[in-house]
Protein backbone atom coordinates (compact mmCIF):
# COMPACT_ATOMS: atom_id res chain seq x y z
CA MET A 1 -48.42 20.02 42.97
CA GLU A 2 -48.83 17.59 45.65
CA ILE A 3 -46.88 14.09 45.07
CA GLN A 4 -49.40 11.31 44.95
CA TYR A 5 -47.72 8.15 46.20
CA ARG A 6 -48.97 4.85 45.78
CA HIS A 7 -48.79 1.54 47.46
CA GLU A 8 -47.08 -1.46 45.75
CA TRP A 9 -46.80 -5.38 46.44
CA LYS A 10 -44.61 -7.33 44.33
CA HIS A 11 -44.61 -11.16 44.31
CA GLU A 12 -42.60 -13.73 42.36
CA ILE A 13 -44.97 -16.36 41.45
CA ASN A 14 -45.14 -19.77 39.44
CA LEU A 15 -47.09 -20.75 36.55
CA SER A 16 -49.83 -22.61 38.88
CA ASP A 17 -50.09 -19.45 40.93
CA PHE A 18 -50.33 -17.28 37.84
CA ILE A 19 -53.26 -19.41 36.22
CA SER A 20 -55.04 -19.47 39.80
CA ILE A 21 -54.91 -15.78 40.58
CA ARG A 22 -55.55 -14.69 36.79
CA SER A 23 -58.80 -16.68 37.03
CA ARG A 24 -59.99 -14.98 40.08
CA LEU A 25 -59.04 -11.80 38.78
CA ARG A 26 -61.29 -12.33 35.63
CA ALA A 27 -64.25 -12.72 38.03
CA VAL A 28 -63.93 -9.33 39.70
CA ALA A 29 -61.60 -6.87 38.03
CA GLU A 30 -61.73 -5.54 34.40
CA PRO A 31 -58.78 -6.26 32.01
CA ASP A 32 -56.88 -3.01 30.96
CA PRO A 33 -58.77 -1.22 28.07
CA HIS A 34 -55.51 -0.60 26.55
CA ALA A 35 -54.38 -4.39 26.53
CA VAL A 36 -54.93 -6.42 23.36
CA ASP A 37 -56.12 -10.08 23.93
CA GLY A 38 -55.70 -9.20 27.59
CA LYS A 39 -51.94 -8.53 27.16
CA TYR A 40 -49.29 -5.86 25.63
CA TYR A 41 -45.51 -5.71 25.13
CA ILE A 42 -43.40 -3.36 26.99
CA ARG A 43 -40.04 -2.28 25.92
CA SER A 44 -38.17 0.39 28.01
CA LEU A 45 -34.72 2.21 28.14
CA TYR A 46 -33.58 2.81 31.37
CA PHE A 47 -31.25 5.52 32.58
CA ASP A 48 -28.21 5.54 35.05
CA ASN A 49 -25.03 7.29 35.62
CA SER A 50 -21.37 5.83 35.21
CA ASN A 51 -21.44 4.94 38.97
CA ASP A 52 -24.66 2.96 38.49
CA ARG A 53 -26.46 5.01 41.10
CA ALA A 54 -29.83 3.79 40.28
CA LEU A 55 -29.03 0.28 40.49
CA ARG A 56 -26.88 0.68 43.51
CA GLU A 57 -29.57 2.28 45.39
CA LYS A 58 -32.13 -0.06 44.46
CA THR A 59 -30.05 -3.12 45.39
CA ASP A 60 -28.89 -1.44 48.50
CA GLY A 61 -32.59 -0.50 49.75
CA VAL A 62 -32.46 3.48 49.76
CA ASN A 63 -35.75 4.50 51.22
CA MET A 64 -35.70 7.52 48.74
CA ARG A 65 -34.95 7.22 45.30
CA GLU A 66 -35.77 7.54 41.37
CA LYS A 67 -35.16 6.50 38.20
CA PHE A 68 -35.66 7.56 34.52
CA ARG A 69 -36.93 5.74 31.67
CA ILE A 70 -38.42 6.08 28.05
CA ARG A 71 -41.19 3.38 27.18
CA TYR A 72 -43.10 2.34 24.32
CA TYR A 73 -45.52 -0.50 23.46
CA ASN A 74 -46.22 -3.35 21.10
CA LEU A 75 -42.91 -2.70 19.40
CA ASP A 76 -44.61 0.02 17.74
CA PRO A 77 -42.38 3.39 18.09
CA SER A 78 -44.59 5.37 15.87
CA SER A 79 -47.50 5.28 18.21
CA VAL A 80 -46.90 6.13 21.81
CA ILE A 81 -43.75 7.05 23.51
CA HIS A 82 -43.34 8.40 27.25
CA LEU A 83 -40.41 9.63 29.22
CA GLU A 84 -41.19 8.44 32.64
CA LYS A 85 -39.73 9.21 36.17
CA LYS A 86 -40.27 6.60 38.98
CA CYS A 87 -39.94 7.87 42.39
CA LYS A 88 -39.73 5.72 45.82
CA LEU A 89 -40.42 6.77 49.33
CA ASN A 90 -40.11 4.40 52.26
CA GLY A 91 -41.80 1.58 50.05
CA LEU A 92 -44.42 4.14 48.32
CA GLY A 93 -44.20 5.01 44.63
CA SER A 94 -45.08 7.79 42.29
CA LYS A 95 -44.63 8.07 38.62
CA TYR A 96 -44.70 11.14 36.36
CA SER A 97 -44.70 11.04 32.57
CA ALA A 98 -44.15 13.31 29.33
CA PRO A 99 -44.59 12.66 25.73
CA LEU A 100 -41.85 12.29 23.27
CA SER A 101 -41.85 11.95 19.53
CA MET A 102 -39.79 9.34 17.94
CA LEU A 103 -37.24 11.89 16.59
CA GLU A 104 -36.83 13.26 20.39
CA ALA A 105 -36.45 9.61 21.79
CA GLN A 106 -33.75 9.02 19.41
CA LYS A 107 -31.89 12.48 19.88
CA ILE A 108 -32.00 11.59 23.62
CA VAL A 109 -30.62 8.10 22.84
CA ASP A 110 -27.69 9.84 20.36
CA GLY A 111 -26.86 12.30 23.31
CA ASP A 112 -28.04 15.12 20.98
CA ILE A 113 -29.93 16.96 24.37
CA SER A 114 -29.75 20.74 23.99
CA TRP A 115 -33.23 21.08 22.85
CA MET A 116 -34.39 19.40 25.78
CA LEU A 117 -34.04 22.55 28.08
CA TYR A 118 -36.63 24.40 25.86
CA SER A 119 -39.34 21.58 26.03
CA PRO A 120 -42.31 22.56 27.19
CA HIS A 121 -42.45 19.64 29.51
CA THR A 122 -40.60 20.08 32.95
CA LEU A 123 -40.05 16.48 33.31
CA VAL A 124 -38.05 16.35 29.73
CA GLN A 125 -36.24 19.64 31.48
CA GLU A 126 -35.36 17.69 34.32
CA LEU A 127 -34.03 15.00 32.61
CA TYR A 128 -31.68 17.37 30.58
CA CYS A 129 -30.48 18.91 33.95
CA LYS A 130 -29.64 15.57 35.43
CA MET A 131 -28.00 14.36 32.02
CA ARG A 132 -25.63 17.48 31.96
CA ASN A 133 -25.27 17.69 35.80
CA GLN A 134 -25.19 14.04 37.27
CA GLY A 135 -23.87 12.11 34.06
CA ILE A 136 -26.93 9.83 33.35
CA ARG A 137 -27.22 8.14 30.35
CA PRO A 138 -29.29 5.24 28.44
CA LYS A 139 -28.23 2.06 30.05
CA THR A 140 -30.02 -0.74 28.76
CA ILE A 141 -33.37 -2.22 27.10
CA VAL A 142 -35.81 -3.97 29.20
CA ASP A 143 -38.47 -6.05 27.45
CA TYR A 144 -41.54 -7.88 28.88
CA THR A 145 -45.19 -9.06 28.31
CA ARG A 146 -47.86 -7.67 30.73
CA GLU A 147 -51.40 -8.88 31.53
CA PRO A 148 -53.03 -6.03 33.43
CA PHE A 149 -56.16 -5.78 35.31
CA ILE A 150 -58.18 -2.77 36.80
CA PHE A 151 -60.41 -2.28 39.71
CA GLY A 152 -62.25 1.24 40.43
CA PRO A 153 -62.52 1.11 44.01
CA GLY A 154 -59.15 1.79 45.34
CA ASN A 155 -57.76 2.90 41.99
CA VAL A 156 -56.32 -0.58 41.89
CA ARG A 157 -54.15 -1.84 39.05
CA VAL A 158 -52.96 -5.66 39.19
CA THR A 159 -50.30 -6.96 36.49
CA PHE A 160 -48.67 -9.97 35.71
CA ASP A 161 -45.21 -9.49 33.83
CA TYR A 162 -43.18 -12.36 32.26
CA ASP A 163 -40.63 -13.18 29.39
CA ILE A 164 -38.49 -10.44 30.96
CA ARG A 165 -35.45 -9.98 28.42
CA THR A 166 -32.62 -7.60 28.44
CA GLY A 167 -30.97 -5.78 25.38
CA LEU A 168 -27.58 -6.29 27.43
CA GLY A 169 -25.64 -3.09 26.61
CA SER A 170 -27.65 -2.07 23.71
CA THR A 171 -29.56 1.12 23.56
CA ASP A 172 -30.86 0.86 19.98
CA PHE A 173 -34.39 1.50 21.66
CA LEU A 174 -36.35 2.32 18.68
CA ASN A 175 -35.32 -0.63 16.57
CA PRO A 176 -38.19 -3.14 17.01
CA GLY A 177 -35.77 -5.71 15.56
CA CYS A 178 -33.03 -5.14 18.28
CA ALA A 179 -31.88 -8.35 19.80
CA THR A 180 -32.71 -9.18 23.62
CA ILE A 181 -32.24 -12.41 25.43
CA PRO A 182 -33.83 -13.87 28.51
CA ALA A 183 -33.04 -11.96 31.75
CA GLY A 184 -32.19 -15.34 33.72
CA ASP A 185 -34.58 -17.97 34.67
CA PRO A 186 -38.12 -17.67 33.59
CA LEU A 187 -40.47 -15.96 36.53
CA ILE A 188 -43.70 -14.29 36.84
CA LEU A 189 -43.73 -11.17 38.54
CA LEU A 190 -47.25 -10.04 40.18
CA GLU A 191 -47.63 -6.23 40.88
CA VAL A 192 -50.33 -4.93 42.85
CA LYS A 193 -50.73 -1.10 43.44
CA TRP A 194 -53.26 1.04 44.78
CA ASP A 195 -54.19 4.66 46.49
CA SER A 196 -55.29 4.70 49.84
CA PHE A 197 -56.93 1.42 50.34
CA LEU A 198 -56.85 -2.12 48.84
CA PRO A 199 -60.20 -3.49 48.56
CA SER A 200 -60.67 -7.09 50.40
CA ILE A 201 -61.84 -8.33 47.12
CA ILE A 202 -58.64 -7.81 45.39
CA ARG A 203 -56.67 -8.84 48.27
CA ASP A 204 -58.27 -11.92 48.36
CA ALA A 205 -58.15 -12.62 44.72
CA VAL A 206 -54.23 -12.05 44.66
CA GLN A 207 -53.38 -13.89 47.66
CA THR A 208 -50.30 -16.28 47.20
CA PRO A 209 -49.89 -18.18 50.57
CA GLY A 210 -46.33 -18.82 51.57
CA ARG A 211 -44.72 -16.14 49.17
CA ARG A 212 -43.10 -12.72 50.63
CA VAL A 213 -43.59 -9.54 49.23
CA SER A 214 -40.59 -9.00 47.04
CA ALA A 215 -38.24 -6.34 46.29
CA PHE A 216 -37.63 -7.60 42.67
CA SER A 217 -36.50 -4.95 40.05
CA LYS A 218 -36.69 -5.64 36.31
CA TYR A 219 -34.01 -3.11 35.58
CA ALA A 220 -31.60 -4.63 38.06
CA GLN A 221 -32.40 -8.22 36.86
CA CYS A 222 -31.65 -6.88 33.27
CA ARG A 223 -28.34 -5.19 34.56
CA ILE A 224 -26.83 -8.43 35.61
CA TYR A 225 -25.91 -9.14 31.84
CA GLY A 226 -24.95 -5.61 30.96
């Protein structure tokens, strides 16, 4: 299967930028149909090995890297849980996903992984092999709120992420009441993702004069604290 890489911009913006850009997007793009009142809450559990390989590759700017995470939405693990692998190659990104049940997700957190080898999902099998051979394990919880917009031409997705919180060293991922704390100073992260081209109407809408493309990582930011 051919790997489908997507382009990605990230900008750290302030509240004034956020209000202006969101207003422009509302005039030209559609809210993500999965959002409730324009937003949803994301909880992710990121994986790394004992040497923090994924973290170091990110901070060192390695051109070819990958990271695994488990994710669910709106603090409702009974709805949808996904295992995801994100890959980066020379600034382009791709993502692979497989469904997990609550029981399967909890088993992974607990280190009960032998069943993964027989999963019908190749991504689950891949994580099993890397947990066995590379020693990757659940590392930390990352929580945040997202406001998403979509635009059909170019398969564009624009998101605002804020209220980024860390579970420190906790991996109590499926517990909606698991305590998290703010991951540093408040910020808003604008992300723009597209396939082969970014339509000018979206390019104009997300303009942030004086702000450079950022390499901000929510996982790296949260790992500062544990």
